[in-house]
Amino acid sequence: MKTLTDQALESVEWLEDIGVEFDKDQVDMPVGAKWRRGHKPLKSVGYAYIETLKNLY
């Protein structure tokens, strides 16, 4: 968890570099969160990540 949170910005930048597009105007509230802090992909959340990673590898 520490690695995930310590490198959150780098993770989002990497996802953008490989082709995941995010809605820059919306900060989302992930399930279980107490405040808005998530980056919402333009495509449905799971599909955006899986499709991009599938095409990459």
Protein backbone atom coordinates (compact mmCIF):
# COMPACT_ATOMS: atom_id res chain seq x y z
CA MET A 1 0.00 0.00 0.00
CA LYS A 2 2.86 2.39 0.82
CA THR A 3 4.39 1.91 -2.63
CA LEU A 4 1.01 2.46 -4.27
CA THR A 5 0.36 5.70 -2.40
CA ASP A 6 3.94 6.98 -2.54
CA GLN A 7 3.98 6.54 -6.32
CA ALA A 8 0.39 7.51 -7.15
CA LEU A 9 1.34 10.43 -9.41
CA GLU A 10 3.90 8.34 -11.28
CA SER A 11 1.31 5.59 -11.73
CA VAL A 12 -1.23 7.96 -13.27
CA GLU A 13 1.45 9.45 -15.53
CA TRP A 14 2.51 5.95 -16.64
CA LEU A 15 -1.10 4.99 -17.40
CA GLU A 16 -1.43 8.15 -19.51
CA ASP A 17 1.86 7.36 -21.29
CA ILE A 18 0.58 3.93 -22.32
CA GLY A 19 -2.74 5.29 -23.57
CA VAL A 20 -5.29 5.48 -20.75
CA GLU A 21 -7.19 8.75 -21.12
CA PHE A 22 -8.55 10.45 -18.01
CA ASP A 23 -11.26 13.05 -17.54
CA LYS A 24 -9.12 15.99 -16.42
CA ASP A 25 -12.18 17.96 -15.29
CA GLN A 26 -13.50 15.37 -12.83
CA VAL A 27 -12.06 14.11 -9.57
CA ASP A 28 -13.92 10.93 -8.70
CA MET A 29 -14.81 9.37 -5.34
CA PRO A 30 -13.74 5.71 -5.38
CA VAL A 31 -15.82 3.13 -3.54
CA GLY A 32 -15.14 3.36 0.18
CA ALA A 33 -13.49 6.78 -0.04
CA LYS A 34 -14.44 9.63 2.26
CA TRP A 35 -13.52 12.37 -0.22
CA ARG A 36 -12.94 12.84 -3.94
CA ARG A 37 -9.44 11.77 -4.91
CA GLY A 38 -9.68 9.41 -7.88
CA HIS A 39 -8.75 9.81 -11.52
CA LYS A 40 -11.63 8.69 -13.73
CA PRO A 41 -10.80 7.21 -17.15
CA LEU A 42 -12.89 8.34 -20.13
CA LYS A 43 -13.86 4.70 -20.81
CA SER A 44 -15.41 2.52 -18.12
CA VAL A 45 -12.87 2.08 -15.35
CA GLY A 46 -11.98 -1.60 -15.61
CA TYR A 47 -12.22 -1.66 -19.40
CA ALA A 48 -9.93 1.35 -19.82
CA TYR A 49 -7.13 -0.33 -17.88
CA ILE A 50 -7.56 -3.88 -19.20
CA GLU A 51 -7.91 -2.85 -22.85
CA THR A 52 -4.82 -0.65 -22.69
CA LEU A 53 -2.69 -3.25 -20.91
CA LYS A 54 -3.92 -6.03 -23.23
CA ASN A 55 -2.91 -4.02 -26.30
CA LEU A 56 0.45 -3.16 -24.73
CA TYR A 57 1.44 -6.72 -23.88
